[in-house]
Amino acid sequence: MVRVRTQLQRLDGQPQLFDLKTESSRRNINLPPMLVTQLRAHRIRQAEERLACPRWQDWNLIFPSTIGPPFDPQNLTKRFKAILGHAGLPDMRFHDLRHSCATLLFAQGVPLGVVQRTLGHSQFSLTMNTYVHIFPKVRKQAADAMERLRGGARVVVS
């Protein structure tokens, strides 16, 4: 489980961690076992990197820069774009991962309230109207479900 309690903001160009203001933004996110295994391995590698870096600044971050503080946003964007290119994926913004997460969870049948809490939103409407994108396949499934509900009877519109 990841406990989300702080957010990174830049003041006068310097990164600072602040407590989250709203109850809905403070949240616990359950992680799949595969990810927990990968994060544990990452923690071991990171401990080795800390010991090898005399300039290490410990911010207690899961994914820090090479010397410990938060990534510079431009460097994070560059690394993210390089990973996308290497994986053969289309170009997107780093923030689009939140949209992808919401859409994929919803498409897998995860209730909207759970998706909303995972993203830390206080309103269903923000999650649904901004973050969840409906795949064409899902629209067809909705039409097929309506067809089944009416029992295949022909509807005449005059």
Protein backbone atom coordinates (compact mmCIF):
# COMPACT_ATOMS: atom_id res chain seq x y z
CA MET A 1 0.00 0.00 0.00
CA VAL A 2 1.18 3.51 -0.79
CA ARG A 3 0.13 6.24 1.62
CA VAL A 4 -0.24 9.57 -0.19
CA ARG A 5 0.19 12.36 2.36
CA THR A 6 2.37 15.03 0.72
CA GLN A 7 2.78 16.76 -2.61
CA LEU A 8 5.77 18.34 -4.26
CA GLN A 9 5.59 22.04 -5.13
CA ARG A 10 8.25 24.45 -6.28
CA LEU A 11 8.61 27.75 -4.47
CA ASP A 12 11.07 30.20 -5.97
CA GLY A 13 12.35 27.33 -8.13
CA GLN A 14 13.14 25.11 -5.14
CA PRO A 15 11.30 21.81 -4.55
CA GLN A 16 9.42 21.51 -1.27
CA LEU A 17 7.10 18.86 0.15
CA PHE A 18 3.78 20.03 1.59
CA ASP A 19 1.05 18.18 3.44
CA LEU A 20 -2.03 17.57 1.32
CA LYS A 21 -4.89 19.90 2.21
CA THR A 22 -8.05 17.87 1.65
CA GLU A 23 -9.20 14.59 3.12
CA SER A 24 -9.89 13.15 -0.37
CA SER A 25 -6.35 13.91 -1.54
CA ARG A 26 -4.84 12.08 1.47
CA ARG A 27 -5.31 8.45 0.57
CA ASN A 28 -4.03 4.90 0.64
CA ILE A 29 -3.57 3.11 -2.66
CA ASN A 30 -3.40 -0.68 -2.70
CA LEU A 31 -0.73 -2.05 -5.01
CA PRO A 32 -0.76 -5.30 -6.97
CA PRO A 33 1.69 -7.94 -5.62
CA MET A 34 3.82 -7.78 -8.81
CA LEU A 35 4.44 -4.06 -8.23
CA VAL A 36 5.25 -4.59 -4.54
CA THR A 37 7.93 -7.12 -5.57
CA GLN A 38 9.40 -4.66 -8.07
CA LEU A 39 9.38 -1.82 -5.54
CA ARG A 40 11.19 -3.96 -2.96
CA ALA A 41 13.91 -4.74 -5.52
CA HIS A 42 14.06 -1.03 -6.39
CA ARG A 43 14.52 -0.16 -2.70
CA ILE A 44 17.54 -2.49 -2.50
CA ARG A 45 19.10 -0.94 -5.63
CA GLN A 46 18.40 2.52 -4.26
CA ALA A 47 20.09 1.74 -0.94
CA GLU A 48 23.19 0.68 -2.86
CA GLU A 49 23.09 3.91 -4.89
CA ARG A 50 22.80 5.97 -1.70
CA LEU A 51 25.89 4.36 -0.25
CA ALA A 52 27.85 4.93 -3.48
CA CYS A 53 26.92 8.63 -3.78
CA PRO A 54 28.83 10.97 -1.47
CA ARG A 55 26.52 13.87 -2.46
CA TRP A 56 23.30 11.95 -1.60
CA GLN A 57 20.54 14.11 -0.06
CA ASP A 58 17.91 11.92 1.57
CA TRP A 59 14.39 13.16 0.82
CA ASN A 60 12.91 9.69 1.46
CA LEU A 61 11.51 9.54 -2.08
CA ILE A 62 10.72 6.37 -4.00
CA PHE A 63 11.92 7.83 -7.30
CA PRO A 64 14.41 10.62 -6.62
CA SER A 65 16.96 12.23 -8.91
CA THR A 66 20.42 10.62 -9.07
CA ILE A 67 21.49 12.43 -5.88
CA GLY A 68 18.28 12.18 -3.83
CA PRO A 69 16.10 15.29 -4.26
CA PRO A 70 13.04 15.31 -6.53
CA PHE A 71 13.50 15.15 -10.30
CA ASP A 72 13.57 18.44 -12.10
CA PRO A 73 10.28 18.45 -14.08
CA GLN A 74 12.12 18.96 -17.39
CA ASN A 75 14.43 16.02 -16.69
CA LEU A 76 11.48 13.84 -15.70
CA THR A 77 9.74 14.75 -18.96
CA LYS A 78 12.88 13.92 -20.98
CA ARG A 79 13.27 10.54 -19.28
CA PHE A 80 9.58 9.75 -19.69
CA LYS A 81 9.66 10.62 -23.41
CA ALA A 82 12.76 8.44 -23.87
CA ILE A 83 11.03 5.50 -22.17
CA LEU A 84 7.97 5.94 -24.40
CA GLY A 85 10.15 6.00 -27.50
CA HIS A 86 12.15 2.96 -26.43
CA ALA A 87 8.91 1.04 -25.78
CA GLY A 88 7.42 2.10 -29.14
CA LEU A 89 4.55 3.94 -27.44
CA PRO A 90 2.94 7.15 -28.71
CA ASP A 91 4.02 10.51 -27.33
CA MET A 92 2.07 11.74 -24.29
CA ARG A 93 2.43 13.98 -21.28
CA PHE A 94 3.54 12.45 -17.96
CA HIS A 95 0.23 13.63 -16.47
CA ASP A 96 -1.63 11.53 -19.07
CA LEU A 97 -0.69 8.49 -16.97
CA ARG A 98 -3.43 9.57 -14.53
CA HIS A 99 -5.96 9.60 -17.37
CA SER A 100 -4.75 6.17 -18.51
CA CYS A 101 -4.99 4.78 -14.98
CA ALA A 102 -8.54 6.06 -14.53
CA THR A 103 -9.68 4.83 -17.94
CA LEU A 104 -8.13 1.37 -17.61
CA LEU A 105 -9.43 0.83 -14.08
CA PHE A 106 -12.94 1.87 -15.12
CA ALA A 107 -12.78 -0.31 -18.26
CA GLN A 108 -11.88 -3.28 -16.02
CA GLY A 109 -15.08 -2.77 -14.04
CA VAL A 110 -13.55 -1.01 -11.03
CA PRO A 111 -16.35 1.08 -9.49
CA LEU A 112 -16.11 4.80 -10.23
CA GLY A 113 -15.91 5.60 -6.50
CA VAL A 114 -12.76 3.49 -6.18
CA VAL A 115 -11.23 5.15 -9.26
CA GLN A 116 -12.13 8.55 -7.79
CA ARG A 117 -10.46 7.75 -4.45
CA THR A 118 -7.40 6.27 -6.16
CA LEU A 119 -6.84 9.57 -7.98
CA GLY A 120 -7.65 11.62 -4.86
CA HIS A 121 -10.60 13.49 -6.35
CA SER A 122 -13.35 14.92 -4.17
CA GLN A 123 -15.98 14.89 -6.96
CA PHE A 124 -17.24 12.01 -9.13
CA SER A 125 -17.77 14.53 -11.93
CA LEU A 126 -14.08 15.46 -12.12
CA THR A 127 -13.07 11.81 -12.35
CA MET A 128 -15.70 10.87 -14.90
CA ASN A 129 -15.76 14.02 -17.04
CA THR A 130 -12.02 14.71 -17.13
CA TYR A 131 -10.10 11.52 -16.42
CA VAL A 132 -12.15 8.54 -17.59
CA HIS A 133 -12.22 8.16 -21.36
CA ILE A 134 -14.67 5.64 -22.81
CA PHE A 135 -13.27 3.24 -25.40
CA PRO A 136 -15.35 2.67 -28.59
CA LYS A 137 -15.59 -1.01 -27.62
CA VAL A 138 -17.30 -0.03 -24.36
CA ARG A 139 -19.80 2.15 -26.24
CA LYS A 140 -20.67 -0.84 -28.44
CA GLN A 141 -21.03 -3.03 -25.34
CA ALA A 142 -23.49 -0.49 -23.93
CA ALA A 143 -25.53 -0.58 -27.15
CA ASP A 144 -25.46 -4.40 -27.12
CA ALA A 145 -26.59 -4.44 -23.49
CA MET A 146 -29.52 -2.19 -24.35
CA GLU A 147 -30.41 -4.54 -27.21
CA ARG A 148 -30.43 -7.50 -24.78
CA LEU A 149 -32.59 -5.55 -22.30
CA ARG A 150 -35.29 -4.94 -24.84
CA GLY A 151 -35.16 -8.60 -25.83
CA GLY A 152 -34.34 -7.96 -29.45
CA ALA A 153 -37.86 -6.63 -30.11
CA ARG A 154 -38.11 -4.22 -32.99
CA VAL A 155 -38.73 -0.61 -32.08
CA VAL A 156 -40.77 1.47 -34.52
CA VAL A 157 -40.41 5.22 -34.39
CA SER A 158 -43.18 7.20 -36.10
